[in-house]
């Protein structure tokens, strides 16, 4: 089984969490807002019966002109797939291919395939 989803471009991993005195590391407002939008986007594009349990292989395409490191966009995208219950916990991710190109500006294209 395979499904593909187009998500808004995730914030960099450097902007996902903040250190808050007395609370420790907490999700930033930018990450909370992105995550909420990403989960709603996944719900709109991938029906619950297309869920893939167990090991998965991921292919993630980011915009060609995206600034920053490729791997800084992975965590948020994968966590949104888990939070939307379209894949199991990310410990079941078998492989990840990340490519610069193949996604429109401001988006990431995520292909999920049963491993």
PDB file of N, CA and C in Angstrom:
ATOM      1  N   UNK A   1       0.846  -1.172   0.000  1.00  0.00           N
ATOM      2  CA  UNK A   1       0.000   0.000   0.000  1.00  0.00           C
ATOM      3  C   UNK A   1       0.897   1.242   0.000  1.00  0.00           C
ATOM      4  N   UNK A   2       0.422   2.280  -0.670  1.00  0.00           N
ATOM      5  CA  UNK A   2       1.153   3.541  -0.790  1.00  0.00           C
ATOM      6  C   UNK A   2       0.154   4.693  -0.679  1.00  0.00           C
ATOM      7  N   UNK A   3       0.573   5.783  -0.037  1.00  0.00           N
ATOM      8  CA  UNK A   3      -0.171   7.031  -0.153  1.00  0.00           C
ATOM      9  C   UNK A   3       0.810   8.188  -0.221  1.00  0.00           C
ATOM     10  N   UNK A   4       0.344   9.272  -0.812  1.00  0.00           N
ATOM     11  CA  UNK A   4       1.140  10.489  -0.941  1.00  0.00           C
ATOM     12  C   UNK A   4       0.343  11.652  -0.378  1.00  0.00           C
ATOM     13  N   UNK A   5       1.038  12.545   0.298  1.00  0.00           N
ATOM     14  CA  UNK A   5       0.389  13.715   0.879  1.00  0.00           C
ATOM     15  C   UNK A   5       1.280  14.937   0.641  1.00  0.00           C
ATOM     16  N   UNK A   6       0.641  16.065   0.386  1.00  0.00           N
ATOM     17  CA  UNK A   6       1.356  17.334   0.230  1.00  0.00           C
ATOM     18  C   UNK A   6       1.074  18.162   1.482  1.00  0.00           C
ATOM     19  N   UNK A   7       2.152  18.506   2.195  1.00  0.00           N
ATOM     20  CA  UNK A   7       2.034  19.255   3.450  1.00  0.00           C
ATOM     21  C   UNK A   7       2.615  20.648   3.301  1.00  0.00           C
ATOM     22  N   UNK A   8       2.178  21.570   4.142  1.00  0.00           N
ATOM     23  CA  UNK A   8       2.872  22.856   4.189  1.00  0.00           C
ATOM     24  C   UNK A   8       4.305  22.604   4.649  1.00  0.00           C
ATOM     25  N   UNK A   9       5.232  23.412   4.182  1.00  0.00           N
ATOM     26  CA  UNK A   9       6.636  23.253   4.549  1.00  0.00           C
ATOM     27  C   UNK A   9       6.789  23.365   6.066  1.00  0.00           C
ATOM     28  N   UNK A  10       7.340  22.319   6.705  1.00  0.00           N
ATOM     29  CA  UNK A  10       7.491  22.377   8.165  1.00  0.00           C
ATOM     30  C   UNK A  10       8.520  23.411   8.590  1.00  0.00           C
ATOM     31  N   UNK A  11       8.383  23.910   9.816  1.00  0.00           N
ATOM     32  CA  UNK A  11       9.439  24.775  10.334  1.00  0.00           C
ATOM     33  C   UNK A  11      10.719  23.956  10.505  1.00  0.00           C
ATOM     34  N   UNK A  12      11.836  24.631  10.515  1.00  0.00           N
ATOM     35  CA  UNK A  12      13.115  23.976  10.768  1.00  0.00           C
ATOM     36  C   UNK A  12      13.098  23.334  12.151  1.00  0.00           C
ATOM     37  N   UNK A  13      13.826  22.254  12.314  1.00  0.00           N
ATOM     38  CA  UNK A  13      13.927  21.599  13.624  1.00  0.00           C
ATOM     39  C   UNK A  13      14.412  22.570  14.689  1.00  0.00           C
ATOM     40  N   UNK A  14      15.161  23.577  14.287  1.00  0.00           N
ATOM     41  CA  UNK A  14      15.665  24.580  15.234  1.00  0.00           C
ATOM     42  C   UNK A  14      14.541  25.446  15.802  1.00  0.00           C
ATOM     43  N   UNK A  15      13.354  25.418  15.166  1.00  0.00           N
ATOM     44  CA  UNK A  15      12.234  26.267  15.594  1.00  0.00           C
ATOM     45  C   UNK A  15      11.058  25.461  16.153  1.00  0.00           C
ATOM     46  N   UNK A  16      11.267  24.173  16.439  1.00  0.00           N
ATOM     47  CA  UNK A  16      10.163  23.343  16.921  1.00  0.00           C
ATOM     48  C   UNK A  16       9.927  23.472  18.422  1.00  0.00           C
ATOM     49  N   UNK A  17      11.008  23.626  19.180  1.00  0.00           N
ATOM     50  CA  UNK A  17      10.898  23.643  20.635  1.00  0.00           C
ATOM     51  C   UNK A  17      11.644  24.838  21.210  1.00  0.00           C
ATOM     52  N   UNK A  18      11.185  25.280  22.379  1.00  0.00           N
ATOM     53  CA  UNK A  18      11.847  26.362  23.104  1.00  0.00           C
ATOM     54  C   UNK A  18      12.080  25.902  24.542  1.00  0.00           C
ATOM     55  N   UNK A  19      13.123  26.395  25.129  1.00  0.00           N
ATOM     56  CA  UNK A  19      13.396  26.120  26.545  1.00  0.00           C
ATOM     57  C   UNK A  19      12.674  27.166  27.387  1.00  0.00           C
ATOM     58  N   UNK A  20      11.785  26.698  28.257  1.00  0.00           N
ATOM     59  CA  UNK A  20      10.999  27.595  29.106  1.00  0.00           C
ATOM     60  C   UNK A  20      11.365  27.306  30.557  1.00  0.00           C
ATOM     61  N   UNK A  21      11.837  28.327  31.272  1.00  0.00           N
ATOM     62  CA  UNK A  21      12.197  28.116  32.675  1.00  0.00           C
ATOM     63  C   UNK A  21      11.035  27.509  33.461  1.00  0.00           C
ATOM     64  N   UNK A  22      11.337  26.484  34.229  1.00  0.00           N
ATOM     65  CA  UNK A  22      10.326  25.824  35.055  1.00  0.00           C
ATOM     66  C   UNK A  22       9.494  24.786  34.320  1.00  0.00           C
ATOM     67  N   UNK A  23       9.561  24.772  32.980  1.00  0.00           N
ATOM     68  CA  UNK A  23       8.773  23.812  32.203  1.00  0.00           C
ATOM     69  C   UNK A  23       9.641  22.892  31.346  1.00  0.00           C
ATOM     70  N   UNK A  24      10.837  23.345  31.016  1.00  0.00           N
ATOM     71  CA  UNK A  24      11.688  22.551  30.137  1.00  0.00           C
ATOM     72  C   UNK A  24      11.410  22.881  28.680  1.00  0.00           C
ATOM     73  N   UNK A  25      11.555  21.885  27.812  1.00  0.00           N
ATOM     74  CA  UNK A  25      11.355  22.100  26.375  1.00  0.00           C
ATOM     75  C   UNK A  25       9.873  21.970  26.034  1.00  0.00           C
ATOM     76  N   UNK A  26       9.355  22.989  25.360  1.00  0.00           N
ATOM     77  CA  UNK A  26       7.945  22.998  24.967  1.00  0.00           C
ATOM     78  C   UNK A  26       7.837  23.337  23.483  1.00  0.00           C
ATOM     79  N   UNK A  27       6.753  22.883  22.869  1.00  0.00           N
ATOM     80  CA  UNK A  27       6.518  23.198  21.455  1.00  0.00           C
ATOM     81  C   UNK A  27       6.324  24.699  21.291  1.00  0.00           C
ATOM     82  N   UNK A  28       6.935  25.243  20.244  1.00  0.00           N
ATOM     83  CA  UNK A  28       6.759  26.665  19.956  1.00  0.00           C
ATOM     84  C   UNK A  28       5.382  26.892  19.339  1.00  0.00           C
ATOM     85  N   UNK A  29       4.933  28.135  19.370  1.00  0.00           N
ATOM     86  CA  UNK A  29       3.656  28.489  18.750  1.00  0.00           C
ATOM     87  C   UNK A  29       3.695  28.169  17.247  1.00  0.00           C
ATOM     88  N   UNK A  30       4.817  28.468  16.601  1.00  0.00           N
ATOM     89  CA  UNK A  30       4.946  28.186  15.164  1.00  0.00           C
ATOM     90  C   UNK A  30       4.785  26.697  14.890  1.00  0.00           C
ATOM     91  N   UNK A  31       5.381  25.854  15.726  1.00  0.00           N
ATOM     92  CA  UNK A  31       5.278  24.405  15.534  1.00  0.00           C
ATOM     93  C   UNK A  31       3.851  23.927  15.804  1.00  0.00           C
ATOM     94  N   UNK A  32       3.230  24.427  16.875  1.00  0.00           N
ATOM     95  CA  UNK A  32       1.843  24.025  17.168  1.00  0.00           C
ATOM     96  C   UNK A  32       0.918  24.390  16.015  1.00  0.00           C
ATOM     97  N   UNK A  33       1.061  25.608  15.488  1.00  0.00           N
ATOM     98  CA  UNK A  33       0.220  26.047  14.374  1.00  0.00           C
ATOM     99  C   UNK A  33       0.468  25.211  13.133  1.00  0.00           C
ATOM    100  N   UNK A  34       1.745  24.961  12.814  1.00  0.00           N
ATOM    101  CA  UNK A  34       2.062  24.150  11.638  1.00  0.00           C
ATOM    102  C   UNK A  34       1.508  22.742  11.802  1.00  0.00           C
ATOM    103  N   UNK A  35       1.710  22.150  12.967  1.00  0.00           N
ATOM    104  CA  UNK A  35       1.275  20.769  13.217  1.00  0.00           C
ATOM    105  C   UNK A  35      -0.244  20.629  13.060  1.00  0.00           C
ATOM    106  N   UNK A  36      -0.988  21.601  13.606  1.00  0.00           N
ATOM    107  CA  UNK A  36      -2.447  21.570  13.482  1.00  0.00           C
ATOM    108  C   UNK A  36      -2.856  21.627  12.006  1.00  0.00           C
ATOM    109  N   UNK A  37      -2.246  22.538  11.241  1.00  0.00           N
ATOM    110  CA  UNK A  37      -2.543  22.659   9.805  1.00  0.00           C
ATOM    111  C   UNK A  37      -2.138  21.395   9.056  1.00  0.00           C
ATOM    112  N   UNK A  38      -0.992  20.827   9.404  1.00  0.00           N
ATOM    113  CA  UNK A  38      -0.512  19.619   8.718  1.00  0.00           C
ATOM    114  C   UNK A  38      -1.442  18.436   8.963  1.00  0.00           C
ATOM    115  N   UNK A  39      -1.888  18.268  10.198  1.00  0.00           N
ATOM    116  CA  UNK A  39      -2.790  17.155  10.514  1.00  0.00           C
ATOM    117  C   UNK A  39      -4.111  17.306   9.767  1.00  0.00           C
ATOM    118  N   UNK A  40      -4.661  18.503   9.725  1.00  0.00           N
ATOM    119  CA  UNK A  40      -5.898  18.728   8.966  1.00  0.00           C
ATOM    120  C   UNK A  40      -5.682  18.462   7.479  1.00  0.00           C
ATOM    121  N   UNK A  41      -4.528  18.831   6.971  1.00  0.00           N
ATOM    122  CA  UNK A  41      -4.196  18.570   5.568  1.00  0.00           C
ATOM    123  C   UNK A  41      -4.123  17.073   5.301  1.00  0.00           C
ATOM    124  N   UNK A  42      -3.504  16.339   6.202  1.00  0.00           N
ATOM    125  CA  UNK A  42      -3.412  14.881   6.045  1.00  0.00           C
ATOM    126  C   UNK A  42      -4.809  14.271   6.075  1.00  0.00           C
ATOM    127  N   UNK A  43      -5.646  14.698   7.013  1.00  0.00           N
ATOM    128  CA  UNK A  43      -7.021  14.182   7.080  1.00  0.00           C
ATOM    129  C   UNK A  43      -7.761  14.424   5.764  1.00  0.00           C
ATOM    130  N   UNK A  44      -7.538  15.585   5.150  1.00  0.00           N
ATOM    131  CA  UNK A  44      -8.228  15.923   3.909  1.00  0.00           C
ATOM    132  C   UNK A  44      -7.721  15.119   2.710  1.00  0.00           C
ATOM    133  N   UNK A  45      -6.467  14.689   2.766  1.00  0.00           N
ATOM    134  CA  UNK A  45      -5.865  14.027   1.604  1.00  0.00           C
ATOM    135  C   UNK A  45      -5.784  12.503   1.711  1.00  0.00           C
ATOM    136  N   UNK A  46      -5.757  11.977   2.933  1.00  0.00           N
ATOM    137  CA  UNK A  46      -5.556  10.534   3.117  1.00  0.00           C
ATOM    138  C   UNK A  46      -6.639   9.998   4.041  1.00  0.00           C
ATOM    139  N   UNK A  47      -7.545   9.203   3.480  1.00  0.00           N
ATOM    140  CA  UNK A  47      -8.620   8.609   4.275  1.00  0.00           C
ATOM    141  C   UNK A  47      -8.029   7.684   5.344  1.00  0.00           C
ATOM    142  N   UNK A  48      -8.730   7.548   6.452  1.00  0.00           N
ATOM    143  CA  UNK A  48      -8.268   6.710   7.560  1.00  0.00           C
ATOM    144  C   UNK A  48      -8.051   5.264   7.134  1.00  0.00           C
ATOM    145  N   UNK A  49      -8.835   4.770   6.174  1.00  0.00           N
ATOM    146  CA  UNK A  49      -8.664   3.376   5.750  1.00  0.00           C
ATOM    147  C   UNK A  49      -7.418   3.164   4.882  1.00  0.00           C
ATOM    148  N   UNK A  50      -6.707   4.239   4.552  1.00  0.00           N
ATOM    149  CA  UNK A  50      -5.438   4.138   3.808  1.00  0.00           C
ATOM    150  C   UNK A  50      -4.242   4.066   4.762  1.00  0.00           C
ATOM    151  N   UNK A  51      -4.517   4.047   6.061  1.00  0.00           N
ATOM    152  CA  UNK A  51      -3.481   3.980   7.090  1.00  0.00           C
ATOM    153  C   UNK A  51      -2.556   2.801   6.820  1.00  0.00           C
ATOM    154  N   UNK A  52      -1.254   3.007   7.062  1.00  0.00           N
ATOM    155  CA  UNK A  52      -0.271   1.940   6.895  1.00  0.00           C
ATOM    156  C   UNK A  52       0.342   1.643   8.256  1.00  0.00           C
ATOM    157  N   UNK A  53       0.081   0.460   8.774  1.00  0.00           N
ATOM    158  CA  UNK A  53       0.662   0.042  10.047  1.00  0.00           C
ATOM    159  C   UNK A  53       1.967  -0.690   9.828  1.00  0.00           C
ATOM    160  N   UNK A  54       2.792  -0.731  10.854  1.00  0.00           N
ATOM    161  CA  UNK A  54       4.066  -1.444  10.783  1.00  0.00           C
ATOM    162  C   UNK A  54       5.124  -0.652  10.038  1.00  0.00           C
ATOM    163  N   UNK A  55       6.142  -1.359   9.545  1.00  0.00           N
ATOM    164  CA  UNK A  55       7.279  -0.685   8.902  1.00  0.00           C
ATOM    165  C   UNK A  55       6.871   0.067   7.624  1.00  0.00           C
ATOM    166  N   UNK A  56       7.413   1.272   7.475  1.00  0.00           N
ATOM    167  CA  UNK A  56       7.157   2.084   6.282  1.00  0.00           C
ATOM    168  C   UNK A  56       8.473   2.639   5.734  1.00  0.00           C
ATOM    169  N   UNK A  57       8.467   2.895   4.443  1.00  0.00           N
ATOM    170  CA  UNK A  57       9.540   3.614   3.770  1.00  0.00           C
ATOM    171  C   UNK A  57       8.974   4.976   3.385  1.00  0.00           C
ATOM    172  N   UNK A  58       9.748   6.035   3.590  1.00  0.00           N
ATOM    173  CA  UNK A  58       9.302   7.387   3.281  1.00  0.00           C
ATOM    174  C   UNK A  58      10.179   8.000   2.209  1.00  0.00           C
ATOM    175  N   UNK A  59       9.533   8.744   1.309  1.00  0.00           N
ATOM    176  CA  UNK A  59      10.243   9.601   0.367  1.00  0.00           C
ATOM    177  C   UNK A  59       9.691  11.002   0.576  1.00  0.00           C
ATOM    178  N   UNK A  60      10.568  11.932   0.900  1.00  0.00           N
ATOM    179  CA  UNK A  60      10.154  13.296   1.202  1.00  0.00           C
ATOM    180  C   UNK A  60      10.840  14.231   0.217  1.00  0.00           C
ATOM    181  N   UNK A  61      10.033  14.998  -0.521  1.00  0.00           N
ATOM    182  CA  UNK A  61      10.558  15.968  -1.479  1.00  0.00           C
ATOM    183  C   UNK A  61      10.296  17.366  -0.942  1.00  0.00           C
ATOM    184  N   UNK A  62      11.338  18.184  -0.922  1.00  0.00           N
ATOM    185  CA  UNK A  62      11.224  19.577  -0.478  1.00  0.00           C
ATOM    186  C   UNK A  62      11.447  20.475  -1.691  1.00  0.00           C
ATOM    187  N   UNK A  63      11.021  21.733  -1.625  1.00  0.00           N
ATOM    188  CA  UNK A  63      11.210  22.625  -2.775  1.00  0.00           C
ATOM    189  C   UNK A  63      12.693  22.784  -3.126  1.00  0.00           C
ATOM    190  N   UNK A  64      12.957  22.899  -4.400  1.00  0.00           N
ATOM    191  CA  UNK A  64      14.325  23.034  -4.883  1.00  0.00           C
ATOM    192  C   UNK A  64      15.023  24.237  -4.263  1.00  0.00           C
ATOM    193  N   UNK A  65      14.321  25.343  -4.094  1.00  0.00           N
ATOM    194  CA  UNK A  65      14.925  26.560  -3.582  1.00  0.00           C
ATOM    195  C   UNK A  65      14.888  26.696  -2.067  1.00  0.00           C
ATOM    196  N   UNK A  66      14.497  25.635  -1.355  1.00  0.00           N
ATOM    197  CA  UNK A  66      14.392  25.724   0.094  1.00  0.00           C
ATOM    198  C   UNK A  66      15.756  25.983   0.727  1.00  0.00           C
ATOM    199  N   UNK A  67      15.797  26.940   1.623  1.00  0.00           N
ATOM    200  CA  UNK A  67      17.038  27.227   2.340  1.00  0.00           C
ATOM    201  C   UNK A  67      17.171  26.277   3.521  1.00  0.00           C
ATOM    202  N   UNK A  68      18.378  26.042   3.940  1.00  0.00           N
ATOM    203  CA  UNK A  68      18.610  25.239   5.134  1.00  0.00           C
ATOM    204  C   UNK A  68      18.879  23.780   4.822  1.00  0.00           C
ATOM    205  N   UNK A  69      19.132  23.044   5.880  1.00  0.00           N
ATOM    206  CA  UNK A  69      19.457  21.631   5.772  1.00  0.00           C
ATOM    207  C   UNK A  69      18.205  20.805   5.486  1.00  0.00           C
ATOM    208  N   UNK A  70      18.371  19.799   4.650  1.00  0.00           N
ATOM    209  CA  UNK A  70      17.252  18.915   4.327  1.00  0.00           C
ATOM    210  C   UNK A  70      16.707  18.212   5.569  1.00  0.00           C
ATOM    211  N   UNK A  71      17.593  17.721   6.410  1.00  0.00           N
ATOM    212  CA  UNK A  71      17.145  16.917   7.540  1.00  0.00           C
ATOM    213  C   UNK A  71      16.425  17.724   8.614  1.00  0.00           C
ATOM    214  N   UNK A  72      16.501  19.043   8.568  1.00  0.00           N
ATOM    215  CA  UNK A  72      15.800  19.865   9.550  1.00  0.00           C
ATOM    216  C   UNK A  72      14.288  19.869   9.340  1.00  0.00           C
ATOM    217  N   UNK A  73      13.804  19.328   8.247  1.00  0.00           N
ATOM    218  CA  UNK A  73      12.362  19.329   7.963  1.00  0.00           C
ATOM    219  C   UNK A  73      11.726  17.964   8.214  1.00  0.00           C
ATOM    220  N   UNK A  74      12.536  16.960   8.544  1.00  0.00           N
ATOM    221  CA  UNK A  74      12.030  15.593   8.668  1.00  0.00           C
ATOM    222  C   UNK A  74      11.153  15.370   9.897  1.00  0.00           C
ATOM    223  N   UNK A  75      11.654  15.746  11.062  1.00  0.00           N
ATOM    224  CA  UNK A  75      10.977  15.404  12.303  1.00  0.00           C
ATOM    225  C   UNK A  75       9.525  15.859  12.329  1.00  0.00           C
ATOM    226  N   UNK A  76       9.287  17.107  11.983  1.00  0.00           N
ATOM    227  CA  UNK A  76       7.928  17.635  12.043  1.00  0.00           C
ATOM    228  C   UNK A  76       7.003  16.892  11.072  1.00  0.00           C
ATOM    229  N   UNK A  77       7.478  16.630   9.861  1.00  0.00           N
ATOM    230  CA  UNK A  77       6.645  15.934   8.868  1.00  0.00           C
ATOM    231  C   UNK A  77       6.293  14.526   9.332  1.00  0.00           C
ATOM    232  N   UNK A  78       7.277  13.809   9.851  1.00  0.00           N
ATOM    233  CA  UNK A  78       7.030  12.440  10.314  1.00  0.00           C
ATOM    234  C   UNK A  78       6.114  12.453  11.533  1.00  0.00           C
ATOM    235  N   UNK A  79       6.345  13.370  12.458  1.00  0.00           N
ATOM    236  CA  UNK A  79       5.491  13.453  13.646  1.00  0.00           C
ATOM    237  C   UNK A  79       4.039  13.767  13.282  1.00  0.00           C
ATOM    238  N   UNK A  80       3.810  14.544  12.233  1.00  0.00           N
ATOM    239  CA  UNK A  80       2.441  14.832  11.793  1.00  0.00           C
ATOM    240  C   UNK A  80       1.772  13.570  11.239  1.00  0.00           C
ATOM    241  N   UNK A  81       2.529  12.735  10.539  1.00  0.00           N
ATOM    242  CA  UNK A  81       1.971  11.470  10.047  1.00  0.00           C
ATOM    243  C   UNK A  81       1.560  10.569  11.207  1.00  0.00           C
ATOM    244  N   UNK A  82       2.369  10.546  12.249  1.00  0.00           N
ATOM    245  CA  UNK A  82       2.054   9.747  13.435  1.00  0.00           C
ATOM    246  C   UNK A  82       0.847  10.334  14.159  1.00  0.00           C
ATOM    247  N   UNK A  83       0.847  11.657  14.378  1.00  0.00           N
ATOM    248  CA  UNK A  83      -0.252  12.317  15.107  1.00  0.00           C
ATOM    249  C   UNK A  83      -1.584  12.169  14.378  1.00  0.00           C
ATOM    250  N   UNK A  84      -1.549  12.069  13.065  1.00  0.00           N
ATOM    251  CA  UNK A  84      -2.780  11.902  12.280  1.00  0.00           C
ATOM    252  C   UNK A  84      -3.219  10.439  12.222  1.00  0.00           C
ATOM    253  N   UNK A  85      -2.436   9.566  12.826  1.00  0.00           N
ATOM    254  CA  UNK A  85      -2.717   8.125  12.863  1.00  0.00           C
ATOM    255  C   UNK A  85      -2.716   7.493  11.472  1.00  0.00           C
ATOM    256  N   UNK A  86      -1.897   8.024  10.569  1.00  0.00           N
ATOM    257  CA  UNK A  86      -1.778   7.426   9.231  1.00  0.00           C
ATOM    258  C   UNK A  86      -0.601   6.461   9.152  1.00  0.00           C
ATOM    259  N   UNK A  87       0.339   6.575  10.113  1.00  0.00           N
ATOM    260  CA  UNK A  87       1.399   5.582  10.295  1.00  0.00           C
ATOM    261  C   UNK A  87       1.551   5.341  11.796  1.00  0.00           C
ATOM    262  N   UNK A  88       2.194   4.216  12.144  1.00  0.00           N
ATOM    263  CA  UNK A  88       2.494   3.928  13.541  1.00  0.00           C
ATOM    264  C   UNK A  88       3.623   4.846  13.999  1.00  0.00           C
ATOM    265  N   UNK A  89       4.051   4.668  15.207  1.00  0.00           N
ATOM    266  CA  UNK A  89       5.152   5.445  15.772  1.00  0.00           C
ATOM    267  C   UNK A  89       6.336   5.487  14.807  1.00  0.00           C
ATOM    268  N   UNK A  90       7.075   6.595  14.827  1.00  0.00           N
ATOM    269  CA  UNK A  90       8.163   6.756  13.865  1.00  0.00           C
ATOM    270  C   UNK A  90       9.306   5.765  14.069  1.00  0.00           C
ATOM    271  N   UNK A  91       9.287   4.992  15.120  1.00  0.00           N
ATOM    272  CA  UNK A  91      10.297   3.941  15.259  1.00  0.00           C
ATOM    273  C   UNK A  91      10.096   2.845  14.216  1.00  0.00           C
ATOM    274  N   UNK A  92       8.936   2.860  13.549  1.00  0.00           N
ATOM    275  CA  UNK A  92       8.647   1.882  12.498  1.00  0.00           C
ATOM    276  C   UNK A  92       9.082   2.363  11.115  1.00  0.00           C
ATOM    277  N   UNK A  93       9.669   3.558  11.041  1.00  0.00           N
ATOM    278  CA  UNK A  93      10.170   4.038   9.749  1.00  0.00           C
ATOM    279  C   UNK A  93      11.414   3.238   9.404  1.00  0.00           C
ATOM    280  N   UNK A  94      11.336   2.533   8.291  1.00  0.00           N
ATOM    281  CA  UNK A  94      12.405   1.629   7.855  1.00  0.00           C
ATOM    282  C   UNK A  94      13.479   2.375   7.077  1.00  0.00           C
ATOM    283  N   UNK A  95      13.054   3.281   6.209  1.00  0.00           N
ATOM    284  CA  UNK A  95      14.014   4.064   5.427  1.00  0.00           C
ATOM    285  C   UNK A  95      13.404   5.413   5.077  1.00  0.00           C
ATOM    286  N   UNK A  96      14.304   6.387   4.851  1.00  0.00           N
ATOM    287  CA  UNK A  96      13.880   7.731   4.457  1.00  0.00           C
ATOM    288  C   UNK A  96      14.765   8.193   3.316  1.00  0.00           C
ATOM    289  N   UNK A  97      14.135   8.622   2.237  1.00  0.00           N
ATOM    290  CA  UNK A  97      14.833   9.278   1.132  1.00  0.00           C
ATOM    291  C   UNK A  97      14.325  10.708   1.105  1.00  0.00           C
ATOM    292  N   UNK A  98      15.233  11.663   1.201  1.00  0.00           N
ATOM    293  CA  UNK A  98      14.822  13.067   1.144  1.00  0.00           C
ATOM    294  C   UNK A  98      15.508  13.701  -0.051  1.00  0.00           C
ATOM    295  N   UNK A  99      14.696  14.414  -0.841  1.00  0.00           N
ATOM    296  CA  UNK A  99      15.152  14.948  -2.114  1.00  0.00           C
ATOM    297  C   UNK A  99      14.850  16.441  -2.185  1.00  0.00           C
ATOM    298  N   UNK A 100      15.824  17.200  -2.648  1.00  0.00           N
ATOM    299  CA  UNK A 100      15.589  18.618  -2.908  1.00  0.00           C
ATOM    300  C   UNK A 100      15.054  18.706  -4.338  1.00  0.00           C
ATOM    301  N   UNK A 101      13.809  19.153  -4.464  1.00  0.00           N
ATOM    302  CA  UNK A 101      13.130  19.199  -5.753  1.00  0.00           C
ATOM    303  C   UNK A 101      11.942  18.255  -5.731  1.00  0.00           C
ATOM    304  N   UNK A 102      10.976  18.499  -6.575  1.00  0.00           N
ATOM    305  CA  UNK A 102       9.802  17.641  -6.636  1.00  0.00           C
ATOM    306  C   UNK A 102       8.630  18.120  -5.801  1.00  0.00           C
ATOM    307  N   UNK A 103       8.798  19.264  -5.136  1.00  0.00           N
ATOM    308  CA  UNK A 103       7.698  19.852  -4.358  1.00  0.00           C
ATOM    309  C   UNK A 103       7.602  21.331  -4.714  1.00  0.00           C
ATOM    310  N   UNK A 104       6.384  21.840  -4.701  1.00  0.00           N
ATOM    311  CA  UNK A 104       6.180  23.259  -4.971  1.00  0.00           C
ATOM    312  C   UNK A 104       6.688  24.097  -3.802  1.00  0.00           C
ATOM    313  N   UNK A 105       6.976  25.355  -4.069  1.00  0.00           N
ATOM    314  CA  UNK A 105       7.430  26.269  -3.019  1.00  0.00           C
ATOM    315  C   UNK A 105       6.432  26.271  -1.863  1.00  0.00           C
ATOM    316  N   UNK A 106       6.945  26.204  -0.648  1.00  0.00           N
ATOM    317  CA  UNK A 106       6.094  26.254   0.532  1.00  0.00           C
ATOM    318  C   UNK A 106       5.450  24.935   0.914  1.00  0.00           C
ATOM    319  N   UNK A 107       5.821  23.850   0.226  1.00  0.00           N
ATOM    320  CA  UNK A 107       5.231  22.542   0.528  1.00  0.00           C
ATOM    321  C   UNK A 107       6.310  21.461   0.600  1.00  0.00           C
ATOM    322  N   UNK A 108       5.923  20.335   1.154  1.00  0.00           N
ATOM    323  CA  UNK A 108       6.718  19.113   1.051  1.00  0.00           C
ATOM    324  C   UNK A 108       5.786  18.019   0.551  1.00  0.00           C
ATOM    325  N   UNK A 109       6.310  17.150  -0.267  1.00  0.00           N
ATOM    326  CA  UNK A 109       5.558  16.008  -0.766  1.00  0.00           C
ATOM    327  C   UNK A 109       6.085  14.783  -0.036  1.00  0.00           C
ATOM    328  N   UNK A 110       5.197  14.038   0.590  1.00  0.00           N
ATOM    329  CA  UNK A 110       5.596  12.863   1.363  1.00  0.00           C
ATOM    330  C   UNK A 110       4.917  11.629   0.784  1.00  0.00           C
ATOM    331  N   UNK A 111       5.733  10.688   0.359  1.00  0.00           N
ATOM    332  CA  UNK A 111       5.230   9.407  -0.143  1.00  0.00           C
ATOM    333  C   UNK A 111       5.506   8.367   0.932  1.00  0.00           C
ATOM    334  N   UNK A 112       4.466   7.652   1.328  1.00  0.00           N
ATOM    335  CA  UNK A 112       4.567   6.616   2.378  1.00  0.00           C
ATOM    336  C   UNK A 112       4.242   5.281   1.739  1.00  0.00           C
ATOM    337  N   UNK A 113       5.138   4.328   1.917  1.00  0.00           N
ATOM    338  CA  UNK A 113       4.957   3.002   1.328  1.00  0.00           C
ATOM    339  C   UNK A 113       5.217   1.947   2.391  1.00  0.00           C
ATOM    340  N   UNK A 114       4.395   0.913   2.381  1.00  0.00           N
ATOM    341  CA  UNK A 114       4.601  -0.188   3.309  1.00  0.00           C
ATOM    342  C   UNK A 114       5.940  -0.840   2.987  1.00  0.00           C
ATOM    343  N   UNK A 115       6.764  -1.035   4.012  1.00  0.00           N
ATOM    344  CA  UNK A 115       8.109  -1.617   3.811  1.00  0.00           C
ATOM    345  C   UNK A 115       8.017  -3.119   3.686  1.00  0.00           C
TER     346      UNK A 115
END
